[in-house]
Amino acid sequence: MPILEVCTGSLQSVINAVKGGAQRIELCSALSLDGLTPSLGIIKTVRTLYPQLTIHALIRVREGDFCYTEEEIRAMESDIKALLPYADAIVCGALTPKGNIDIPSTRRLIEACEGKPFTFHRAFDICNNPLKALDELIELNCTRVLTSGQAPSAEAGIGTLKEFVKHTEGRMIILPGGGVTPLNAKKIIAESGAIEVHGSASGMTKSGRKETLTEVVAQILQQIK
């Protein structure tokens, strides 16, 4: 069965996602800013409440671009070390001002994970030369890349996602994300060849009304099983 990773931005959203059947979450704060590092208190609480839940913790020190200063990289290394005992994986990444993977900084962030899986987040979607970037991330021992295929949504990027999956087969996981709903999750997985999908579980469902996160998670899981 394909894996659904649910993006959660608060303790209540984690509770709601688990009620819907979520077994893996990306935990962050400030979703209105496209996600920032969650607090240590939140991740400790989630781990205590749900010992079996797979938690991927976002590490992002500020809103805006993904070009970080030395001080910001140090802060994120520190955040990784603080959250690592409670997380199963880390979600992070850094770019150069020219839109390439910041290899030295990303290497440091991956090394701070002490062998735990590392997901390069959707900063990838503004990378130049994405196939080269994928190869660079594989060389850095990156576990997966969260991407919409450099399109406005994962559904719109299916063709490119398929190319990424084929290019990285057996070497790294491609995690489609961006606009994933019960209406398109099955299509995205089937047509891209991905084995995982990432969504915030928001938006309309087949009923045509705005539904709760719990309902949407349950419906996506029903669609992809």
C-alpha atoms as a PDB file:
ATOM      1  CA  MET A   1       0.000   0.000   0.000  1.00  0.00           C
ATOM      2  CA  PRO A   2       1.363   3.453  -0.894  1.00  0.00           C
ATOM      3  CA  ILE A   3       2.263   5.689   2.038  1.00  0.00           C
ATOM      4  CA  LEU A   4       0.442   8.930   2.815  1.00  0.00           C
ATOM      5  CA  GLU A   5       2.439  11.583   4.666  1.00  0.00           C
ATOM      6  CA  VAL A   6       0.156  14.214   6.172  1.00  0.00           C
ATOM      7  CA  CYS A   7       1.495  17.728   6.665  1.00  0.00           C
ATOM      8  CA  THR A   8       0.482  18.973  10.129  1.00  0.00           C
ATOM      9  CA  GLY A   9       1.029  22.414  11.614  1.00  0.00           C
ATOM     10  CA  SER A  10      -0.342  22.084  15.138  1.00  0.00           C
ATOM     11  CA  LEU A  11      -0.991  19.558  17.866  1.00  0.00           C
ATOM     12  CA  GLN A  12      -4.697  19.512  17.009  1.00  0.00           C
ATOM     13  CA  SER A  13      -3.985  18.837  13.338  1.00  0.00           C
ATOM     14  CA  VAL A  14      -1.834  15.862  14.355  1.00  0.00           C
ATOM     15  CA  ILE A  15      -4.683  14.523  16.486  1.00  0.00           C
ATOM     16  CA  ASN A  16      -7.128  15.002  13.612  1.00  0.00           C
ATOM     17  CA  ALA A  17      -4.805  13.345  11.103  1.00  0.00           C
ATOM     18  CA  VAL A  18      -4.310  10.307  13.326  1.00  0.00           C
ATOM     19  CA  LYS A  19      -8.095  10.035  13.780  1.00  0.00           C
ATOM     20  CA  GLY A  20      -8.330   9.816  10.000  1.00  0.00           C
ATOM     21  CA  GLY A  21      -5.835   6.965   9.919  1.00  0.00           C
ATOM     22  CA  ALA A  22      -2.548   8.771   9.284  1.00  0.00           C
ATOM     23  CA  GLN A  23       0.495   6.714  10.190  1.00  0.00           C
ATOM     24  CA  ARG A  24       3.100   9.239   9.068  1.00  0.00           C
ATOM     25  CA  ILE A  25       3.172  13.006   9.438  1.00  0.00           C
ATOM     26  CA  GLU A  26       5.382  15.913   8.559  1.00  0.00           C
ATOM     27  CA  LEU A  27       5.363  18.046  11.697  1.00  0.00           C
ATOM     28  CA  CYS A  28       5.919  21.771  11.373  1.00  0.00           C
ATOM     29  CA  SER A  29       4.586  25.118  12.578  1.00  0.00           C
ATOM     30  CA  ALA A  30       3.314  28.218  10.751  1.00  0.00           C
ATOM     31  CA  LEU A  31       1.774  26.583   7.696  1.00  0.00           C
ATOM     32  CA  SER A  32       0.680  30.056   6.605  1.00  0.00           C
ATOM     33  CA  LEU A  33       4.394  30.738   6.050  1.00  0.00           C
ATOM     34  CA  ASP A  34       4.826  27.427   4.169  1.00  0.00           C
ATOM     35  CA  GLY A  35       6.058  25.750   7.346  1.00  0.00           C
ATOM     36  CA  LEU A  36       8.699  26.466   9.963  1.00  0.00           C
ATOM     37  CA  THR A  37      10.436  24.350  12.623  1.00  0.00           C
ATOM     38  CA  PRO A  38       7.993  22.991  15.228  1.00  0.00           C
ATOM     39  CA  SER A  39       8.647  23.592  18.900  1.00  0.00           C
ATOM     40  CA  LEU A  40      10.436  21.017  21.012  1.00  0.00           C
ATOM     41  CA  GLY A  41       7.404  20.877  23.285  1.00  0.00           C
ATOM     42  CA  ILE A  42       5.060  19.982  20.415  1.00  0.00           C
ATOM     43  CA  ILE A  43       7.209  17.156  19.046  1.00  0.00           C
ATOM     44  CA  LYS A  44       7.743  15.732  22.548  1.00  0.00           C
ATOM     45  CA  THR A  45       3.997  15.781  23.137  1.00  0.00           C
ATOM     46  CA  VAL A  46       3.211  14.138  19.808  1.00  0.00           C
ATOM     47  CA  ARG A  47       5.786  11.423  20.449  1.00  0.00           C
ATOM     48  CA  THR A  48       4.306  10.741  23.887  1.00  0.00           C
ATOM     49  CA  LEU A  49       0.727  10.643  22.595  1.00  0.00           C
ATOM     50  CA  TYR A  50       1.526   8.468  19.572  1.00  0.00           C
ATOM     51  CA  PRO A  51       4.607   6.293  20.161  1.00  0.00           C
ATOM     52  CA  GLN A  52       4.035   4.345  16.930  1.00  0.00           C
ATOM     53  CA  LEU A  53       3.437   7.382  14.690  1.00  0.00           C
ATOM     54  CA  THR A  54       6.173   8.090  12.148  1.00  0.00           C
ATOM     55  CA  ILE A  55       7.215  11.717  12.601  1.00  0.00           C
ATOM     56  CA  HIS A  56       9.149  13.655   9.958  1.00  0.00           C
ATOM     57  CA  ALA A  57      10.139  17.012  11.472  1.00  0.00           C
ATOM     58  CA  LEU A  58      10.545  20.091   9.279  1.00  0.00           C
ATOM     59  CA  ILE A  59      13.591  22.217  10.029  1.00  0.00           C
ATOM     60  CA  ARG A  60      13.242  25.704   8.553  1.00  0.00           C
ATOM     61  CA  VAL A  61      14.534  28.625  10.550  1.00  0.00           C
ATOM     62  CA  ARG A  62      12.555  31.386   8.829  1.00  0.00           C
ATOM     63  CA  GLU A  63      10.133  32.203   6.052  1.00  0.00           C
ATOM     64  CA  GLY A  64      11.298  33.356   2.626  1.00  0.00           C
ATOM     65  CA  ASP A  65      13.997  31.905   0.428  1.00  0.00           C
ATOM     66  CA  PHE A  66      16.204  28.890   1.076  1.00  0.00           C
ATOM     67  CA  CYS A  67      19.572  30.655   0.903  1.00  0.00           C
ATOM     68  CA  TYR A  68      20.906  30.611   4.429  1.00  0.00           C
ATOM     69  CA  THR A  69      23.678  32.407   6.258  1.00  0.00           C
ATOM     70  CA  GLU A  70      26.295  30.552   8.292  1.00  0.00           C
ATOM     71  CA  GLU A  71      24.459  31.521  11.470  1.00  0.00           C
ATOM     72  CA  GLU A  72      21.154  30.181  10.119  1.00  0.00           C
ATOM     73  CA  ILE A  73      22.747  26.870   9.134  1.00  0.00           C
ATOM     74  CA  ARG A  74      24.179  26.562  12.632  1.00  0.00           C
ATOM     75  CA  ALA A  75      20.744  27.278  14.097  1.00  0.00           C
ATOM     76  CA  MET A  76      19.183  24.537  11.953  1.00  0.00           C
ATOM     77  CA  GLU A  77      21.924  22.082  12.901  1.00  0.00           C
ATOM     78  CA  SER A  78      21.100  22.843  16.522  1.00  0.00           C
ATOM     79  CA  ASP A  79      17.363  22.390  15.894  1.00  0.00           C
ATOM     80  CA  ILE A  80      17.989  19.038  14.213  1.00  0.00           C
ATOM     81  CA  LYS A  81      20.014  17.805  17.173  1.00  0.00           C
ATOM     82  CA  ALA A  82      17.303  18.960  19.603  1.00  0.00           C
ATOM     83  CA  LEU A  83      14.398  17.359  17.737  1.00  0.00           C
ATOM     84  CA  LEU A  84      16.211  14.240  16.518  1.00  0.00           C
ATOM     85  CA  PRO A  85      15.476  12.058  19.589  1.00  0.00           C
ATOM     86  CA  TYR A  86      11.739  12.458  18.935  1.00  0.00           C
ATOM     87  CA  ALA A  87      11.743  12.363  15.121  1.00  0.00           C
ATOM     88  CA  ASP A  88      12.024   9.463  12.697  1.00  0.00           C
ATOM     89  CA  ALA A  89      13.288  11.690   9.885  1.00  0.00           C
ATOM     90  CA  ILE A  90      14.220  15.302   9.166  1.00  0.00           C
ATOM     91  CA  VAL A  91      12.873  17.520   6.373  1.00  0.00           C
ATOM     92  CA  CYS A  92      15.172  20.373   5.380  1.00  0.00           C
ATOM     93  CA  GLY A  93      17.412  21.748   2.628  1.00  0.00           C
ATOM     94  CA  ALA A  94      19.349  24.727   1.326  1.00  0.00           C
ATOM     95  CA  LEU A  95      19.892  26.405  -2.047  1.00  0.00           C
ATOM     96  CA  THR A  96      22.478  28.767  -3.482  1.00  0.00           C
ATOM     97  CA  PRO A  97      21.441  32.239  -4.704  1.00  0.00           C
ATOM     98  CA  LYS A  98      21.700  30.880  -8.262  1.00  0.00           C
ATOM     99  CA  GLY A  99      19.085  28.211  -7.603  1.00  0.00           C
ATOM    100  CA  ASN A 100      21.317  25.171  -7.221  1.00  0.00           C
ATOM    101  CA  ILE A 101      21.600  22.753  -4.308  1.00  0.00           C
ATOM    102  CA  ASP A 102      23.803  24.297  -1.622  1.00  0.00           C
ATOM    103  CA  ILE A 103      25.919  21.183  -1.340  1.00  0.00           C
ATOM    104  CA  PRO A 104      28.136  22.147   1.643  1.00  0.00           C
ATOM    105  CA  SER A 105      25.194  23.372   3.732  1.00  0.00           C
ATOM    106  CA  THR A 106      22.939  20.468   2.825  1.00  0.00           C
ATOM    107  CA  ARG A 107      25.741  18.036   3.644  1.00  0.00           C
ATOM    108  CA  ARG A 108      26.019  19.570   7.101  1.00  0.00           C
ATOM    109  CA  LEU A 109      22.261  19.302   7.649  1.00  0.00           C
ATOM    110  CA  ILE A 110      22.259  15.649   6.571  1.00  0.00           C
ATOM    111  CA  GLU A 111      25.245  14.847   8.764  1.00  0.00           C
ATOM    112  CA  ALA A 112      23.447  16.415  11.734  1.00  0.00           C
ATOM    113  CA  CYS A 113      20.755  13.734  11.290  1.00  0.00           C
ATOM    114  CA  GLU A 114      23.225  11.082  12.454  1.00  0.00           C
ATOM    115  CA  GLY A 115      22.031   8.510   9.941  1.00  0.00           C
ATOM    116  CA  LYS A 116      18.294   9.144  10.239  1.00  0.00           C
ATOM    117  CA  PRO A 117      16.452   9.679   6.918  1.00  0.00           C
ATOM    118  CA  PHE A 118      16.572  13.131   5.356  1.00  0.00           C
ATOM    119  CA  THR A 119      13.958  14.608   3.013  1.00  0.00           C
ATOM    120  CA  PHE A 120      14.937  17.575   0.840  1.00  0.00           C
ATOM    121  CA  HIS A 121      11.814  19.753   0.909  1.00  0.00           C
ATOM    122  CA  ARG A 122      10.031  21.659  -1.847  1.00  0.00           C
ATOM    123  CA  ALA A 123      12.859  24.121  -2.241  1.00  0.00           C
ATOM    124  CA  PHE A 124      13.734  21.513  -4.856  1.00  0.00           C
ATOM    125  CA  ASP A 125      10.925  22.837  -7.028  1.00  0.00           C
ATOM    126  CA  ILE A 126      12.830  26.038  -7.751  1.00  0.00           C
ATOM    127  CA  CYS A 127      16.124  24.268  -8.483  1.00  0.00           C
ATOM    128  CA  ASN A 128      17.871  24.637 -11.793  1.00  0.00           C
ATOM    129  CA  ASN A 129      18.670  21.419 -13.673  1.00  0.00           C
ATOM    130  CA  PRO A 130      16.562  19.097 -11.489  1.00  0.00           C
ATOM    131  CA  LEU A 131      18.069  15.826 -12.725  1.00  0.00           C
ATOM    132  CA  LYS A 132      21.542  17.054 -11.824  1.00  0.00           C
ATOM    133  CA  ALA A 133      20.179  18.207  -8.470  1.00  0.00           C
ATOM    134  CA  LEU A 134      18.723  14.743  -7.839  1.00  0.00           C
ATOM    135  CA  ASP A 135      22.102  13.160  -8.541  1.00  0.00           C
ATOM    136  CA  GLU A 136      23.773  15.606  -6.160  1.00  0.00           C
ATOM    137  CA  LEU A 137      21.284  14.787  -3.417  1.00  0.00           C
ATOM    138  CA  ILE A 138      21.783  11.058  -3.943  1.00  0.00           C
ATOM    139  CA  GLU A 139      25.536  11.594  -3.575  1.00  0.00           C
ATOM    140  CA  LEU A 140      24.826  13.375  -0.273  1.00  0.00           C
ATOM    141  CA  ASN A 141      22.820  10.349   0.965  1.00  0.00           C
ATOM    142  CA  CYS A 142      19.506  12.184   0.878  1.00  0.00           C
ATOM    143  CA  THR A 143      16.650   9.704   1.393  1.00  0.00           C
ATOM    144  CA  ARG A 144      13.820  11.419  -0.461  1.00  0.00           C
ATOM    145  CA  VAL A 145      12.781  14.599  -2.249  1.00  0.00           C
ATOM    146  CA  LEU A 146       9.423  16.297  -1.709  1.00  0.00           C
ATOM    147  CA  THR A 147       8.402  17.786  -5.042  1.00  0.00           C
ATOM    148  CA  SER A 148       5.471  18.724  -7.249  1.00  0.00           C
ATOM    149  CA  GLY A 149       7.598  18.025 -10.301  1.00  0.00           C
ATOM    150  CA  GLN A 150       8.414  21.753 -10.416  1.00  0.00           C
ATOM    151  CA  ALA A 151       4.784  22.396 -11.385  1.00  0.00           C
ATOM    152  CA  PRO A 152       2.057  24.336  -9.546  1.00  0.00           C
ATOM    153  CA  SER A 153       0.701  21.029  -8.225  1.00  0.00           C
ATOM    154  CA  ALA A 154       1.698  17.383  -8.142  1.00  0.00           C
ATOM    155  CA  GLU A 155      -1.138  16.529 -10.509  1.00  0.00           C
ATOM    156  CA  ALA A 156       0.094  19.099 -13.036  1.00  0.00           C
ATOM    157  CA  GLY A 157       3.627  17.756 -12.602  1.00  0.00           C
ATOM    158  CA  ILE A 158       2.844  14.072 -13.094  1.00  0.00           C
ATOM    159  CA  GLY A 159       4.907  13.785 -16.273  1.00  0.00           C
ATOM    160  CA  THR A 160       7.996  15.251 -14.624  1.00  0.00           C
ATOM    161  CA  LEU A 161       7.422  13.272 -11.425  1.00  0.00           C
ATOM    162  CA  LYS A 162       7.420  10.116 -13.516  1.00  0.00           C
ATOM    163  CA  GLU A 163      10.753  11.159 -15.007  1.00  0.00           C
ATOM    164  CA  PHE A 164      12.158  11.807 -11.514  1.00  0.00           C
ATOM    165  CA  VAL A 165      10.960   8.425 -10.246  1.00  0.00           C
ATOM    166  CA  LYS A 166      12.575   6.655 -13.188  1.00  0.00           C
ATOM    167  CA  HIS A 167      15.814   8.641 -12.828  1.00  0.00           C
ATOM    168  CA  THR A 168      16.190   7.890  -9.116  1.00  0.00           C
ATOM    169  CA  GLU A 169      14.819   4.331  -9.094  1.00  0.00           C
ATOM    170  CA  GLY A 170      16.463   2.272  -6.377  1.00  0.00           C
ATOM    171  CA  ARG A 171      18.570   5.219  -5.234  1.00  0.00           C
ATOM    172  CA  MET A 172      16.162   7.712  -3.668  1.00  0.00           C
ATOM    173  CA  ILE A 173      12.433   8.160  -3.023  1.00  0.00           C
ATOM    174  CA  ILE A 174      10.408  10.766  -4.892  1.00  0.00           C
ATOM    175  CA  LEU A 175       7.599  12.093  -2.690  1.00  0.00           C
ATOM    176  CA  PRO A 176       4.925  13.913  -4.739  1.00  0.00           C
ATOM    177  CA  GLY A 177       3.328  16.810  -2.884  1.00  0.00           C
ATOM    178  CA  GLY A 178       1.291  19.901  -3.654  1.00  0.00           C
ATOM    179  CA  GLY A 179      -2.471  19.927  -4.106  1.00  0.00           C
ATOM    180  CA  VAL A 180      -2.939  16.248  -3.249  1.00  0.00           C
ATOM    181  CA  THR A 181      -6.618  15.462  -2.564  1.00  0.00           C
ATOM    182  CA  PRO A 182      -8.945  12.449  -2.528  1.00  0.00           C
ATOM    183  CA  LEU A 183      -9.782  13.378  -6.119  1.00  0.00           C
ATOM    184  CA  ASN A 184      -6.265  12.998  -7.500  1.00  0.00           C
ATOM    185  CA  ALA A 185      -4.089  11.041  -5.041  1.00  0.00           C
ATOM    186  CA  LYS A 186      -4.669   7.696  -6.754  1.00  0.00           C
ATOM    187  CA  LYS A 187      -3.965   9.205 -10.183  1.00  0.00           C
ATOM    188  CA  ILE A 188      -0.735  10.872  -9.018  1.00  0.00           C
ATOM    189  CA  ILE A 189       0.599   7.624  -7.577  1.00  0.00           C
ATOM    190  CA  ALA A 190      -0.509   5.428 -10.471  1.00  0.00           C
ATOM    191  CA  GLU A 191       0.770   7.680 -13.242  1.00  0.00           C
ATOM    192  CA  SER A 192       4.007   8.867 -11.639  1.00  0.00           C
ATOM    193  CA  GLY A 193       5.080   5.501 -10.274  1.00  0.00           C
ATOM    194  CA  ALA A 194       5.641   6.983  -6.813  1.00  0.00           C
ATOM    195  CA  ILE A 195       5.211   4.822  -3.712  1.00  0.00           C
ATOM    196  CA  GLU A 196       4.535   7.700  -1.316  1.00  0.00           C
ATOM    197  CA  VAL A 197       2.466  10.888  -1.460  1.00  0.00           C
ATOM    198  CA  HIS A 198       2.398  14.027   0.700  1.00  0.00           C
ATOM    199  CA  GLY A 199      -0.597  16.218   1.411  1.00  0.00           C
ATOM    200  CA  SER A 200      -1.986  18.784   3.828  1.00  0.00           C
ATOM    201  CA  ALA A 201      -5.391  17.098   3.477  1.00  0.00           C
ATOM    202  CA  SER A 202      -7.208  20.348   2.796  1.00  0.00           C
ATOM    203  CA  GLY A 203      -9.683  21.388   0.163  1.00  0.00           C
ATOM    204  CA  MET A 204     -12.804  19.973  -1.408  1.00  0.00           C
ATOM    205  CA  THR A 205     -13.594  16.283  -1.637  1.00  0.00           C
ATOM    206  CA  LYS A 206     -16.058  14.366  -3.780  1.00  0.00           C
ATOM    207  CA  SER A 207     -18.979  15.639  -1.720  1.00  0.00           C
ATOM    208  CA  GLY A 208     -18.240  19.147  -2.970  1.00  0.00           C
ATOM    209  CA  ARG A 209     -18.070  20.618   0.525  1.00  0.00           C
ATOM    210  CA  LYS A 210     -15.171  21.637   2.727  1.00  0.00           C
ATOM    211  CA  GLU A 211     -14.428  18.650   4.927  1.00  0.00           C
ATOM    212  CA  THR A 212     -12.375  18.157   8.051  1.00  0.00           C
ATOM    213  CA  LEU A 213      -8.752  17.066   7.972  1.00  0.00           C
ATOM    214  CA  THR A 214      -9.818  13.775   9.573  1.00  0.00           C
ATOM    215  CA  GLU A 215     -12.320  13.119   6.786  1.00  0.00           C
ATOM    216  CA  VAL A 216      -9.910  14.055   4.000  1.00  0.00           C
ATOM    217  CA  VAL A 217      -7.087  11.890   5.373  1.00  0.00           C
ATOM    218  CA  ALA A 218      -9.468   8.926   5.599  1.00  0.00           C
ATOM    219  CA  GLN A 219     -10.665   9.478   2.035  1.00  0.00           C
ATOM    220  CA  ILE A 220      -7.152   9.773   0.590  1.00  0.00           C
ATOM    221  CA  LEU A 221      -6.129   6.561   2.358  1.00  0.00           C
ATOM    222  CA  GLN A 222      -9.224   4.843   0.978  1.00  0.00           C
ATOM    223  CA  GLN A 223      -8.347   5.986  -2.537  1.00  0.00           C
ATOM    224  CA  ILE A 224      -4.716   4.834  -2.530  1.00  0.00           C
ATOM    225  CA  LYS A 225      -5.036   1.479  -0.781  1.00  0.00           C
END
